Amino acid sequence: MIGAGTSARKCEKRGFMPIAIFDSDTIPRDRRPEPEAAVVAAGRHLSKRFEGWIVATPDRRKFTVRITSYPSLDISVPFDWNATAAEVTERVRAAMED
């Protein structure tokens, strides 16, 4: 799992970041770094820029990762709260490859 000290901002410092997380405010602060970094990791192999949102369901039992790129891509991938960073990375990467 990705540690709490790893974040999308650290990945951005290293250069081009294909998936930029625009919003994750509905996710509790102590939980945000892990899914943010997992989504960024899912897009490391990409050469085009994408926008990402991580949104909690109203009951806070699940969250959804939404990736967009105008006009050609708009995908949503739902997750349970107990999803690991590896699961998030793998499923987001697979959804983008379809």
PDB file of N, CA and C in Angstrom:
ATOM      1  N   MET A   1       0.833  -1.183   0.000  1.00  0.00           N
ATOM      2  CA  MET A   1       0.000   0.000   0.000  1.00  0.00           C
ATOM      3  C   MET A   1       0.878   1.248   0.000  1.00  0.00           C
ATOM      4  N   ILE A   2       0.325   2.302  -0.513  1.00  0.00           N
ATOM      5  CA  ILE A   2       1.053   3.556  -0.568  1.00  0.00           C
ATOM      6  C   ILE A   2       0.930   4.226   0.786  1.00  0.00           C
ATOM      7  N   GLY A   3       2.046   4.696   1.318  1.00  0.00           N
ATOM      8  CA  GLY A   3       2.033   5.331   2.624  1.00  0.00           C
ATOM      9  C   GLY A   3       1.379   6.693   2.603  1.00  0.00           C
ATOM     10  N   ALA A   4       1.016   7.176   3.775  1.00  0.00           N
ATOM     11  CA  ALA A   4       0.322   8.452   3.892  1.00  0.00           C
ATOM     12  C   ALA A   4       1.184   9.623   3.422  1.00  0.00           C
ATOM     13  N   GLY A   5       2.496   9.453   3.397  1.00  0.00           N
ATOM     14  CA  GLY A   5       3.376  10.535   2.957  1.00  0.00           C
ATOM     15  C   GLY A   5       3.457  10.673   1.447  1.00  0.00           C
ATOM     16  N   THR A   6       2.952   9.700   0.699  1.00  0.00           N
ATOM     17  CA  THR A   6       2.984   9.750  -0.756  1.00  0.00           C
ATOM     18  C   THR A   6       1.738  10.465  -1.241  1.00  0.00           C
ATOM     19  N   SER A   7       1.917  11.401  -2.160  1.00  0.00           N
ATOM     20  CA  SER A   7       0.754  12.122  -2.665  1.00  0.00           C
ATOM     21  C   SER A   7       0.925  12.450  -4.130  1.00  0.00           C
ATOM     22  N   ALA A   8      -0.167  12.869  -4.727  1.00  0.00           N
ATOM     23  CA  ALA A   8      -0.140  13.275  -6.131  1.00  0.00           C
ATOM     24  C   ALA A   8       0.800  14.455  -6.317  1.00  0.00           C
ATOM     25  N   ARG A   9       0.892  15.318  -5.318  1.00  0.00           N
ATOM     26  CA  ARG A   9       1.766  16.483  -5.424  1.00  0.00           C
ATOM     27  C   ARG A   9       3.241  16.069  -5.548  1.00  0.00           C
ATOM     28  N   LYS A  10       3.647  15.024  -4.853  1.00  0.00           N
ATOM     29  CA  LYS A  10       5.026  14.557  -4.960  1.00  0.00           C
ATOM     30  C   LYS A  10       5.293  14.003  -6.352  1.00  0.00           C
ATOM     31  N   CYS A  11       4.322  13.291  -6.921  1.00  0.00           N
ATOM     32  CA  CYS A  11       4.468  12.764  -8.278  1.00  0.00           C
ATOM     33  C   CYS A  11       4.592  13.906  -9.272  1.00  0.00           C
ATOM     34  N   GLU A  12       3.845  14.981  -9.038  1.00  0.00           N
ATOM     35  CA  GLU A  12       3.850  16.110  -9.955  1.00  0.00           C
ATOM     36  C   GLU A  12       5.219  16.782  -9.981  1.00  0.00           C
ATOM     37  N   LYS A  13       5.913  16.799  -8.863  1.00  0.00           N
ATOM     38  CA  LYS A  13       7.235  17.422  -8.798  1.00  0.00           C
ATOM     39  C   LYS A  13       8.240  16.724  -9.704  1.00  0.00           C
ATOM     40  N   ARG A  14       7.986  15.445  -9.989  1.00  0.00           N
ATOM     41  CA  ARG A  14       8.900  14.673 -10.826  1.00  0.00           C
ATOM     42  C   ARG A  14       8.711  14.947 -12.309  1.00  0.00           C
ATOM     43  N   GLY A  15       7.754  15.763 -12.699  1.00  0.00           N
ATOM     44  CA  GLY A  15       7.552  16.071 -14.103  1.00  0.00           C
ATOM     45  C   GLY A  15       6.118  15.869 -14.534  1.00  0.00           C
ATOM     46  N   PHE A  16       5.947  15.453 -15.761  1.00  0.00           N
ATOM     47  CA  PHE A  16       4.639  15.276 -16.374  1.00  0.00           C
ATOM     48  C   PHE A  16       3.760  14.328 -15.571  1.00  0.00           C
ATOM     49  N   MET A  17       2.548  14.754 -15.264  1.00  0.00           N
ATOM     50  CA  MET A  17       1.611  13.930 -14.519  1.00  0.00           C
ATOM     51  C   MET A  17       0.361  13.749 -15.377  1.00  0.00           C
ATOM     52  N   PRO A  18       0.199  12.604 -16.043  1.00  0.00           N
ATOM     53  CA  PRO A  18      -0.912  12.402 -16.970  1.00  0.00           C
ATOM     54  C   PRO A  18      -2.300  12.538 -16.345  1.00  0.00           C
ATOM     55  N   ILE A  19      -2.483  12.091 -15.109  1.00  0.00           N
ATOM     56  CA  ILE A  19      -3.785  12.226 -14.457  1.00  0.00           C
ATOM     57  C   ILE A  19      -3.642  13.218 -13.308  1.00  0.00           C
ATOM     58  N   ALA A  20      -4.299  14.354 -13.445  1.00  0.00           N
ATOM     59  CA  ALA A  20      -4.300  15.361 -12.390  1.00  0.00           C
ATOM     60  C   ALA A  20      -5.591  15.217 -11.594  1.00  0.00           C
ATOM     61  N   ILE A  21      -5.478  15.102 -10.287  1.00  0.00           N
ATOM     62  CA  ILE A  21      -6.645  14.983  -9.426  1.00  0.00           C
ATOM     63  C   ILE A  21      -7.185  16.385  -9.161  1.00  0.00           C
ATOM     64  N   PHE A  22      -8.393  16.644  -9.642  1.00  0.00           N
ATOM     65  CA  PHE A  22      -8.999  17.958  -9.472  1.00  0.00           C
ATOM     66  C   PHE A  22      -9.817  18.075  -8.204  1.00  0.00           C
ATOM     67  N   ASP A  23     -10.365  16.976  -7.712  1.00  0.00           N
ATOM     68  CA  ASP A  23     -11.189  17.066  -6.518  1.00  0.00           C
ATOM     69  C   ASP A  23     -11.240  15.725  -5.809  1.00  0.00           C
ATOM     70  N   SER A  24     -11.080  15.786  -4.500  1.00  0.00           N
ATOM     71  CA  SER A  24     -11.272  14.609  -3.656  1.00  0.00           C
ATOM     72  C   SER A  24     -11.787  15.055  -2.293  1.00  0.00           C
ATOM     73  N   ASP A  25     -12.456  16.209  -2.254  1.00  0.00           N
ATOM     74  CA  ASP A  25     -12.903  16.801  -0.993  1.00  0.00           C
ATOM     75  C   ASP A  25     -13.927  15.979  -0.232  1.00  0.00           C
ATOM     76  N   THR A  26     -14.664  15.098  -0.898  1.00  0.00           N
ATOM     77  CA  THR A  26     -15.657  14.294  -0.185  1.00  0.00           C
ATOM     78  C   THR A  26     -15.028  13.078   0.498  1.00  0.00           C
ATOM     79  N   ILE A  27     -13.750  12.855   0.259  1.00  0.00           N
ATOM     80  CA  ILE A  27     -13.014  11.754   0.892  1.00  0.00           C
ATOM     81  C   ILE A  27     -12.393  12.301   2.185  1.00  0.00           C
ATOM     82  N   PRO A  28     -12.488  11.576   3.302  1.00  0.00           N
ATOM     83  CA  PRO A  28     -11.872  12.055   4.541  1.00  0.00           C
ATOM     84  C   PRO A  28     -10.372  12.355   4.345  1.00  0.00           C
ATOM     85  N   ARG A  29      -9.899  13.427   4.959  1.00  0.00           N
ATOM     86  CA  ARG A  29      -8.506  13.872   4.779  1.00  0.00           C
ATOM     87  C   ARG A  29      -7.477  12.778   5.040  1.00  0.00           C
ATOM     88  N   ASP A  30      -7.703  11.982   6.057  1.00  0.00           N
ATOM     89  CA  ASP A  30      -6.717  10.947   6.375  1.00  0.00           C
ATOM     90  C   ASP A  30      -6.719   9.811   5.356  1.00  0.00           C
ATOM     91  N   ARG A  31      -7.728   9.748   4.509  1.00  0.00           N
ATOM     92  CA  ARG A  31      -7.837   8.674   3.510  1.00  0.00           C
ATOM     93  C   ARG A  31      -7.441   9.137   2.104  1.00  0.00           C
ATOM     94  N   ARG A  32      -7.388  10.449   1.853  1.00  0.00           N
ATOM     95  CA  ARG A  32      -7.157  10.991   0.507  1.00  0.00           C
ATOM     96  C   ARG A  32      -5.824  10.625  -0.144  1.00  0.00           C
ATOM     97  N   PRO A  33      -4.703  10.716   0.534  1.00  0.00           N
ATOM     98  CA  PRO A  33      -3.421  10.504  -0.153  1.00  0.00           C
ATOM     99  C   PRO A  33      -3.306   9.164  -0.854  1.00  0.00           C
ATOM    100  N   GLU A  34      -3.820   8.113  -0.250  1.00  0.00           N
ATOM    101  CA  GLU A  34      -3.683   6.771  -0.830  1.00  0.00           C
ATOM    102  C   GLU A  34      -4.425   6.623  -2.161  1.00  0.00           C
ATOM    103  N   PRO A  35      -5.737   6.925  -2.241  1.00  0.00           N
ATOM    104  CA  PRO A  35      -6.390   6.789  -3.546  1.00  0.00           C
ATOM    105  C   PRO A  35      -5.888   7.801  -4.574  1.00  0.00           C
ATOM    106  N   GLU A  36      -5.526   9.008  -4.135  1.00  0.00           N
ATOM    107  CA  GLU A  36      -4.979   9.988  -5.079  1.00  0.00           C
ATOM    108  C   GLU A  36      -3.706   9.463  -5.732  1.00  0.00           C
ATOM    109  N   ALA A  37      -2.787   8.962  -4.925  1.00  0.00           N
ATOM    110  CA  ALA A  37      -1.523   8.437  -5.454  1.00  0.00           C
ATOM    111  C   ALA A  37      -1.760   7.199  -6.318  1.00  0.00           C
ATOM    112  N   ALA A  38      -2.735   6.371  -5.950  1.00  0.00           N
ATOM    113  CA  ALA A  38      -3.043   5.165  -6.735  1.00  0.00           C
ATOM    114  C   ALA A  38      -3.577   5.536  -8.113  1.00  0.00           C
ATOM    115  N   VAL A  39      -4.427   6.558  -8.193  1.00  0.00           N
ATOM    116  CA  VAL A  39      -4.971   6.988  -9.478  1.00  0.00           C
ATOM    117  C   VAL A  39      -3.864   7.584 -10.345  1.00  0.00           C
ATOM    118  N   VAL A  40      -3.015   8.401  -9.747  1.00  0.00           N
ATOM    119  CA  VAL A  40      -1.884   8.974 -10.488  1.00  0.00           C
ATOM    120  C   VAL A  40      -0.981   7.859 -11.003  1.00  0.00           C
ATOM    121  N   ALA A  41      -0.727   6.851 -10.177  1.00  0.00           N
ATOM    122  CA  ALA A  41       0.111   5.720 -10.589  1.00  0.00           C
ATOM    123  C   ALA A  41      -0.513   4.955 -11.759  1.00  0.00           C
ATOM    124  N   ALA A  42      -1.828   4.886 -11.795  1.00  0.00           N
ATOM    125  CA  ALA A  42      -2.510   4.173 -12.884  1.00  0.00           C
ATOM    126  C   ALA A  42      -2.257   4.832 -14.229  1.00  0.00           C
ATOM    127  N   GLY A  43      -1.977   6.116 -14.219  1.00  0.00           N
ATOM    128  CA  GLY A  43      -1.780   6.828 -15.477  1.00  0.00           C
ATOM    129  C   GLY A  43      -0.348   7.134 -15.839  1.00  0.00           C
ATOM    130  N   ARG A  44       0.605   6.619 -15.095  1.00  0.00           N
ATOM    131  CA  ARG A  44       2.018   6.944 -15.357  1.00  0.00           C
ATOM    132  C   ARG A  44       2.471   6.597 -16.767  1.00  0.00           C
ATOM    133  N   HIS A  45       1.888   5.587 -17.369  1.00  0.00           N
ATOM    134  CA  HIS A  45       2.306   5.135 -18.697  1.00  0.00           C
ATOM    135  C   HIS A  45       1.667   5.949 -19.825  1.00  0.00           C
ATOM    136  N   LEU A  46       0.773   6.862 -19.508  1.00  0.00           N
ATOM    137  CA  LEU A  46       0.035   7.617 -20.522  1.00  0.00           C
ATOM    138  C   LEU A  46       0.829   8.822 -21.023  1.00  0.00           C
ATOM    139  N   SER A  47       0.554   9.222 -22.247  1.00  0.00           N
ATOM    140  CA  SER A  47       1.239  10.396 -22.807  1.00  0.00           C
ATOM    141  C   SER A  47       0.303  11.592 -22.951  1.00  0.00           C
ATOM    142  N   LYS A  48      -0.993  11.380 -22.742  1.00  0.00           N
ATOM    143  CA  LYS A  48      -1.989  12.436 -22.836  1.00  0.00           C
ATOM    144  C   LYS A  48      -2.449  12.810 -21.427  1.00  0.00           C
ATOM    145  N   ARG A  49      -2.895  14.036 -21.252  1.00  0.00           N
ATOM    146  CA  ARG A  49      -3.376  14.483 -19.932  1.00  0.00           C
ATOM    147  C   ARG A  49      -4.843  14.121 -19.717  1.00  0.00           C
ATOM    148  N   PHE A  50      -5.153  13.746 -18.471  1.00  0.00           N
ATOM    149  CA  PHE A  50      -6.504  13.397 -18.067  1.00  0.00           C
ATOM    150  C   PHE A  50      -6.839  14.112 -16.768  1.00  0.00           C
ATOM    151  N   GLU A  51      -8.126  14.287 -16.518  1.00  0.00           N
ATOM    152  CA  GLU A  51      -8.601  14.890 -15.278  1.00  0.00           C
ATOM    153  C   GLU A  51      -9.217  13.799 -14.418  1.00  0.00           C
ATOM    154  N   GLY A  52      -8.986  13.876 -13.119  1.00  0.00           N
ATOM    155  CA  GLY A  52      -9.525  12.865 -12.224  1.00  0.00           C
ATOM    156  C   GLY A  52     -10.256  13.464 -11.039  1.00  0.00           C
ATOM    157  N   TRP A  53     -11.306  12.783 -10.635  1.00  0.00           N
ATOM    158  CA  TRP A  53     -12.052  13.127  -9.442  1.00  0.00           C
ATOM    159  C   TRP A  53     -12.214  11.868  -8.625  1.00  0.00           C
ATOM    160  N   ILE A  54     -12.146  12.000  -7.302  1.00  0.00           N
ATOM    161  CA  ILE A  54     -12.400  10.878  -6.402  1.00  0.00           C
ATOM    162  C   ILE A  54     -13.531  11.335  -5.490  1.00  0.00           C
ATOM    163  N   VAL A  55     -14.669  10.652  -5.583  1.00  0.00           N
ATOM    164  CA  VAL A  55     -15.885  11.120  -4.923  1.00  0.00           C
ATOM    165  C   VAL A  55     -16.465  10.022  -4.038  1.00  0.00           C
ATOM    166  N   ALA A  56     -16.795  10.385  -2.797  1.00  0.00           N
ATOM    167  CA  ALA A  56     -17.447   9.438  -1.886  1.00  0.00           C
ATOM    168  C   ALA A  56     -18.938   9.389  -2.190  1.00  0.00           C
ATOM    169  N   THR A  57     -19.535   8.213  -1.986  1.00  0.00           N
ATOM    170  CA  THR A  57     -20.985   8.108  -2.112  1.00  0.00           C
ATOM    171  C   THR A  57     -21.614   8.824  -0.923  1.00  0.00           C
ATOM    172  N   PRO A  58     -22.870   9.235  -1.031  1.00  0.00           N
ATOM    173  CA  PRO A  58     -23.505   9.966   0.074  1.00  0.00           C
ATOM    174  C   PRO A  58     -23.469   9.227   1.411  1.00  0.00           C
ATOM    175  N   ASP A  59     -23.560   7.903   1.394  1.00  0.00           N
ATOM    176  CA  ASP A  59     -23.524   7.145   2.648  1.00  0.00           C
ATOM    177  C   ASP A  59     -22.093   6.874   3.132  1.00  0.00           C
ATOM    178  N   ARG A  60     -21.092   7.322   2.364  1.00  0.00           N
ATOM    179  CA  ARG A  60     -19.664   7.185   2.706  1.00  0.00           C
ATOM    180  C   ARG A  60     -19.203   5.734   2.842  1.00  0.00           C
ATOM    181  N   ARG A  61     -19.908   4.826   2.181  1.00  0.00           N
ATOM    182  CA  ARG A  61     -19.508   3.417   2.224  1.00  0.00           C
ATOM    183  C   ARG A  61     -18.647   3.024   1.036  1.00  0.00           C
ATOM    184  N   LYS A  62     -18.676   3.827  -0.011  1.00  0.00           N
ATOM    185  CA  LYS A  62     -17.904   3.557  -1.225  1.00  0.00           C
ATOM    186  C   LYS A  62     -17.378   4.867  -1.780  1.00  0.00           C
ATOM    187  N   PHE A  63     -16.504   4.753  -2.753  1.00  0.00           N
ATOM    188  CA  PHE A  63     -16.055   5.932  -3.483  1.00  0.00           C
ATOM    189  C   PHE A  63     -15.910   5.572  -4.951  1.00  0.00           C
ATOM    190  N   THR A  64     -15.930   6.586  -5.792  1.00  0.00           N
ATOM    191  CA  THR A  64     -15.820   6.387  -7.224  1.00  0.00           C
ATOM    192  C   THR A  64     -14.690   7.231  -7.763  1.00  0.00           C
ATOM    193  N   VAL A  65     -13.915   6.658  -8.655  1.00  0.00           N
ATOM    194  CA  VAL A  65     -12.876   7.395  -9.375  1.00  0.00           C
ATOM    195  C   VAL A  65     -13.447   7.709 -10.749  1.00  0.00           C
ATOM    196  N   ARG A  66     -13.431   8.977 -11.105  1.00  0.00           N
ATOM    197  CA  ARG A  66     -13.910   9.388 -12.428  1.00  0.00           C
ATOM    198  C   ARG A  66     -12.755  10.022 -13.175  1.00  0.00           C
ATOM    199  N   ILE A  67     -12.501   9.533 -14.380  1.00  0.00           N
ATOM    200  CA  ILE A  67     -11.419  10.024 -15.234  1.00  0.00           C
ATOM    201  C   ILE A  67     -12.051  10.565 -16.508  1.00  0.00           C
ATOM    202  N   THR A  68     -11.649  11.786 -16.893  1.00  0.00           N
ATOM    203  CA  THR A  68     -12.183  12.385 -18.114  1.00  0.00           C
ATOM    204  C   THR A  68     -11.071  12.995 -18.946  1.00  0.00           C
ATOM    205  N   SER A  69     -11.352  13.109 -20.215  1.00  0.00           N
ATOM    206  CA  SER A  69     -10.498  13.822 -21.164  1.00  0.00           C
ATOM    207  C   SER A  69     -11.407  14.242 -22.307  1.00  0.00           C
ATOM    208  N   TYR A  70     -11.648  15.507 -22.408  1.00  0.00           N
ATOM    209  CA  TYR A  70     -12.568  16.016 -23.422  1.00  0.00           C
ATOM    210  C   TYR A  70     -12.006  15.799 -24.803  1.00  0.00           C
ATOM    211  N   PRO A  71     -12.762  15.361 -25.749  1.00  0.00           N
ATOM    212  CA  PRO A  71     -14.154  14.912 -25.715  1.00  0.00           C
ATOM    213  C   PRO A  71     -14.290  13.402 -25.677  1.00  0.00           C
ATOM    214  N   SER A  72     -13.192  12.690 -25.597  1.00  0.00           N
ATOM    215  CA  SER A  72     -13.235  11.255 -25.891  1.00  0.00           C
ATOM    216  C   SER A  72     -13.360  10.302 -24.713  1.00  0.00           C
ATOM    217  N   LEU A  73     -13.198  10.734 -23.491  1.00  0.00           N
ATOM    218  CA  LEU A  73     -13.173   9.771 -22.384  1.00  0.00           C
ATOM    219  C   LEU A  73     -13.941  10.288 -21.184  1.00  0.00           C
ATOM    220  N   ASP A  74     -14.762   9.435 -20.620  1.00  0.00           N
ATOM    221  CA  ASP A  74     -15.470   9.728 -19.379  1.00  0.00           C
ATOM    222  C   ASP A  74     -15.804   8.391 -18.740  1.00  0.00           C
ATOM    223  N   ILE A  75     -14.954   7.950 -17.810  1.00  0.00           N
ATOM    224  CA  ILE A  75     -15.175   6.656 -17.164  1.00  0.00           C
ATOM    225  C   ILE A  75     -15.309   6.841 -15.661  1.00  0.00           C
ATOM    226  N   SER A  76     -16.077   5.968 -15.045  1.00  0.00           N
ATOM    227  CA  SER A  76     -16.243   5.950 -13.588  1.00  0.00           C
ATOM    228  C   SER A  76     -16.000   4.529 -13.106  1.00  0.00           C
ATOM    229  N   VAL A  77     -15.207   4.410 -12.065  1.00  0.00           N
ATOM    230  CA  VAL A  77     -14.880   3.095 -11.510  1.00  0.00           C
ATOM    231  C   VAL A  77     -15.215   3.124 -10.018  1.00  0.00           C
ATOM    232  N   PRO A  78     -16.222   2.337  -9.586  1.00  0.00           N
ATOM    233  CA  PRO A  78     -16.605   2.320  -8.166  1.00  0.00           C
ATOM    234  C   PRO A  78     -15.701   1.398  -7.337  1.00  0.00           C
ATOM    235  N   PHE A  79     -15.522   1.778  -6.057  1.00  0.00           N
ATOM    236  CA  PHE A  79     -14.693   0.999  -5.132  1.00  0.00           C
ATOM    237  C   PHE A  79     -15.337   0.952  -3.754  1.00  0.00           C
ATOM    238  N   ASP A  80     -15.078  -0.126  -3.017  1.00  0.00           N
ATOM    239  CA  ASP A  80     -15.426  -0.187  -1.596  1.00  0.00           C
ATOM    240  C   ASP A  80     -14.336   0.553  -0.824  1.00  0.00           C
ATOM    241  N   TRP A  81     -14.658   1.020   0.385  1.00  0.00           N
ATOM    242  CA  TRP A  81     -13.674   1.755   1.192  1.00  0.00           C
ATOM    243  C   TRP A  81     -12.430   0.933   1.485  1.00  0.00           C
ATOM    244  N   ASN A  82     -12.577  -0.389   1.562  1.00  0.00           N
ATOM    245  CA  ASN A  82     -11.432  -1.225   1.911  1.00  0.00           C
ATOM    246  C   ASN A  82     -10.560  -1.585   0.707  1.00  0.00           C
ATOM    247  N   ALA A  83     -10.787  -0.966  -0.447  1.00  0.00           N
ATOM    248  CA  ALA A  83      -9.950  -1.240  -1.625  1.00  0.00           C
ATOM    249  C   ALA A  83      -8.512  -0.782  -1.350  1.00  0.00           C
ATOM    250  N   THR A  84      -7.570  -1.617  -1.728  1.00  0.00           N
ATOM    251  CA  THR A  84      -6.164  -1.262  -1.539  1.00  0.00           C
ATOM    252  C   THR A  84      -5.702  -0.345  -2.675  1.00  0.00           C
ATOM    253  N   ALA A  85      -4.573   0.309  -2.463  1.00  0.00           N
ATOM    254  CA  ALA A  85      -4.009   1.174  -3.503  1.00  0.00           C
ATOM    255  C   ALA A  85      -3.716   0.372  -4.773  1.00  0.00           C
ATOM    256  N   ALA A  86      -3.242  -0.858  -4.606  1.00  0.00           N
ATOM    257  CA  ALA A  86      -2.946  -1.709  -5.759  1.00  0.00           C
ATOM    258  C   ALA A  86      -4.211  -2.019  -6.554  1.00  0.00           C
ATOM    259  N   GLU A  87      -5.315  -2.289  -5.860  1.00  0.00           N
ATOM    260  CA  GLU A  87      -6.585  -2.553  -6.548  1.00  0.00           C
ATOM    261  C   GLU A  87      -7.059  -1.322  -7.323  1.00  0.00           C
ATOM    262  N   VAL A  88      -6.946  -0.154  -6.702  1.00  0.00           N
ATOM    263  CA  VAL A  88      -7.369   1.083  -7.357  1.00  0.00           C
ATOM    264  C   VAL A  88      -6.530   1.315  -8.612  1.00  0.00           C
ATOM    265  N   THR A  89      -5.221   1.203  -8.483  1.00  0.00           N
ATOM    266  CA  THR A  89      -4.330   1.399  -9.625  1.00  0.00           C
ATOM    267  C   THR A  89      -4.670   0.422 -10.749  1.00  0.00           C
ATOM    268  N   GLU A  90      -4.804  -0.853 -10.420  1.00  0.00           N
ATOM    269  CA  GLU A  90      -5.062  -1.885 -11.423  1.00  0.00           C
ATOM    270  C   GLU A  90      -6.390  -1.674 -12.143  1.00  0.00           C
ATOM    271  N   ARG A  91      -7.454  -1.402 -11.390  1.00  0.00           N
ATOM    272  CA  ARG A  91      -8.772  -1.247 -12.005  1.00  0.00           C
ATOM    273  C   ARG A  91      -8.902   0.024 -12.818  1.00  0.00           C
ATOM    274  N   VAL A  92      -8.292   1.118 -12.353  1.00  0.00           N
ATOM    275  CA  VAL A  92      -8.335   2.362 -13.131  1.00  0.00           C
ATOM    276  C   VAL A  92      -7.537   2.188 -14.421  1.00  0.00           C
ATOM    277  N   ARG A  93      -6.344   1.576 -14.326  1.00  0.00           N
ATOM    278  CA  ARG A  93      -5.542   1.334 -15.518  1.00  0.00           C
ATOM    279  C   ARG A  93      -6.291   0.449 -16.511  1.00  0.00           C
ATOM    280  N   ALA A  94      -6.926  -0.608 -16.033  1.00  0.00           N
ATOM    281  CA  ALA A  94      -7.678  -1.509 -16.915  1.00  0.00           C
ATOM    282  C   ALA A  94      -8.859  -0.788 -17.567  1.00  0.00           C
ATOM    283  N   ALA A  95      -9.548   0.047 -16.826  1.00  0.00           N
ATOM    284  CA  ALA A  95     -10.687   0.777 -17.388  1.00  0.00           C
ATOM    285  C   ALA A  95     -10.245   1.753 -18.463  1.00  0.00           C
ATOM    286  N   MET A  96      -9.076   2.340 -18.306  1.00  0.00           N
ATOM    287  CA  MET A  96      -8.575   3.296 -19.296  1.00  0.00           C
ATOM    288  C   MET A  96      -8.075   2.594 -20.550  1.00  0.00           C
ATOM    289  N   GLU A  97      -7.657   1.357 -20.418  1.00  0.00           N
ATOM    290  CA  GLU A  97      -7.155   0.612 -21.582  1.00  0.00           C
ATOM    291  C   GLU A  97      -8.297   0.056 -22.438  1.00  0.00           C
ATOM    292  N   ASP A  98      -9.497  -0.061 -21.857  1.00  0.00           N
ATOM    293  CA  ASP A  98     -10.642  -0.603 -22.628  1.00  0.00           C
ATOM    294  C   ASP A  98     -11.112   0.326 -23.687  1.00  0.00           C
TER     295      ASP A  98
END
